[in-house]
Amino acid sequence: MDVRFFVVGHGRSGTQWLARALNCDPTVNVHHEPLA
């Protein structure tokens, strides 16, 4: 799954979901933190 497209598509709700579902992946933090 492309994290960047998911966050952009779902906005803040998607960002929260990503933080919980994929918080174990440091690369996810790099993508979702500035978009949050």
N, C-alpha and C. Protein backbone atom coordinates (compact mmCIF):
# COMPACT_ATOMS: atom_id res chain seq x y z
N MET A 1 0.85 -1.21 0.00
CA MET A 1 0.00 0.00 0.00
C MET A 1 0.87 1.25 0.00
N ASP A 2 0.53 2.21 -0.82
CA ASP A 2 1.29 3.45 -0.86
C ASP A 2 0.80 4.37 0.24
N VAL A 3 1.64 4.57 1.22
CA VAL A 3 1.25 5.35 2.41
C VAL A 3 0.89 6.78 2.03
N ARG A 4 1.64 7.35 1.12
CA ARG A 4 1.41 8.75 0.75
C ARG A 4 0.04 8.96 0.13
N PHE A 5 -0.34 8.07 -0.79
CA PHE A 5 -1.65 8.18 -1.43
C PHE A 5 -2.76 7.96 -0.42
N PHE A 6 -2.55 7.02 0.50
CA PHE A 6 -3.57 6.72 1.50
C PHE A 6 -3.82 7.92 2.40
N VAL A 7 -2.76 8.56 2.85
CA VAL A 7 -2.89 9.71 3.75
C VAL A 7 -3.59 10.87 3.04
N VAL A 8 -3.19 11.13 1.81
CA VAL A 8 -3.77 12.24 1.05
C VAL A 8 -5.25 11.97 0.79
N GLY A 9 -5.59 10.72 0.51
CA GLY A 9 -6.96 10.38 0.18
C GLY A 9 -7.90 10.43 1.37
N HIS A 10 -7.39 10.08 2.55
CA HIS A 10 -8.26 9.98 3.72
C HIS A 10 -8.06 11.14 4.71
N GLY A 11 -7.12 12.03 4.43
CA GLY A 11 -6.92 13.19 5.29
C GLY A 11 -6.48 12.81 6.70
N ARG A 12 -6.95 13.57 7.68
CA ARG A 12 -6.51 13.37 9.07
C ARG A 12 -6.94 12.01 9.60
N SER A 13 -8.13 11.55 9.23
CA SER A 13 -8.60 10.25 9.69
C SER A 13 -7.66 9.15 9.20
N GLY A 14 -7.23 9.24 7.96
CA GLY A 14 -6.29 8.27 7.41
C GLY A 14 -4.96 8.32 8.13
N THR A 15 -4.54 9.53 8.50
CA THR A 15 -3.28 9.68 9.20
C THR A 15 -3.33 9.00 10.56
N GLN A 16 -4.42 9.15 11.28
CA GLN A 16 -4.56 8.50 12.59
C GLN A 16 -4.55 6.99 12.43
N TRP A 17 -5.25 6.50 11.42
CA TRP A 17 -5.30 5.06 11.18
C TRP A 17 -3.91 4.52 10.85
N LEU A 18 -3.19 5.25 10.02
CA LEU A 18 -1.84 4.83 9.66
C LEU A 18 -0.93 4.80 10.88
N ALA A 19 -1.04 5.82 11.71
CA ALA A 19 -0.19 5.89 12.90
C ALA A 19 -0.41 4.68 13.79
N ARG A 20 -1.64 4.19 13.85
CA ARG A 20 -1.95 3.04 14.70
C ARG A 20 -1.63 1.72 14.01
N ALA A 21 -1.93 1.63 12.72
CA ALA A 21 -1.78 0.36 12.00
C ALA A 21 -0.32 0.07 11.62
N LEU A 22 0.44 1.13 11.32
CA LEU A 22 1.79 0.93 10.80
C LEU A 22 2.84 1.68 11.62
N ASN A 23 2.54 1.93 12.89
CA ASN A 23 3.46 2.72 13.73
C ASN A 23 4.81 2.02 13.92
N CYS A 24 4.87 0.72 13.59
CA CYS A 24 6.12 -0.02 13.74
C CYS A 24 7.09 0.27 12.59
N ASP A 25 6.61 0.95 11.54
CA ASP A 25 7.46 1.22 10.39
C ASP A 25 7.95 2.67 10.43
N PRO A 26 9.26 2.89 10.65
CA PRO A 26 9.80 4.25 10.76
C PRO A 26 9.59 5.08 9.50
N THR A 27 9.50 4.43 8.34
CA THR A 27 9.31 5.17 7.09
C THR A 27 7.92 5.78 7.04
N VAL A 28 6.95 5.16 7.72
CA VAL A 28 5.59 5.69 7.76
C VAL A 28 5.58 7.01 8.50
N ASN A 29 6.32 7.10 9.59
CA ASN A 29 6.37 8.32 10.38
C ASN A 29 6.89 9.49 9.53
N VAL A 30 7.85 9.20 8.67
CA VAL A 30 8.43 10.24 7.82
C VAL A 30 7.37 10.79 6.88
N HIS A 31 6.48 9.92 6.38
CA HIS A 31 5.47 10.35 5.42
C HIS A 31 4.27 11.02 6.10
N HIS A 32 3.80 10.46 7.20
CA HIS A 32 2.53 10.94 7.76
C HIS A 32 2.70 12.12 8.71
N GLU A 33 3.88 12.29 9.29
CA GLU A 33 4.06 13.37 10.27
C GLU A 33 3.84 14.76 9.66
N PRO A 34 4.50 15.11 8.53
CA PRO A 34 4.29 16.44 7.93
C PRO A 34 2.89 16.61 7.35
N LEU A 35 2.25 15.51 6.95
CA LEU A 35 0.92 15.61 6.37
C LEU A 35 -0.16 15.73 7.45
N ALA A 36 0.20 15.35 8.69
CA ALA A 36 -0.76 15.44 9.78
C ALA A 36 -1.01 16.90 10.10
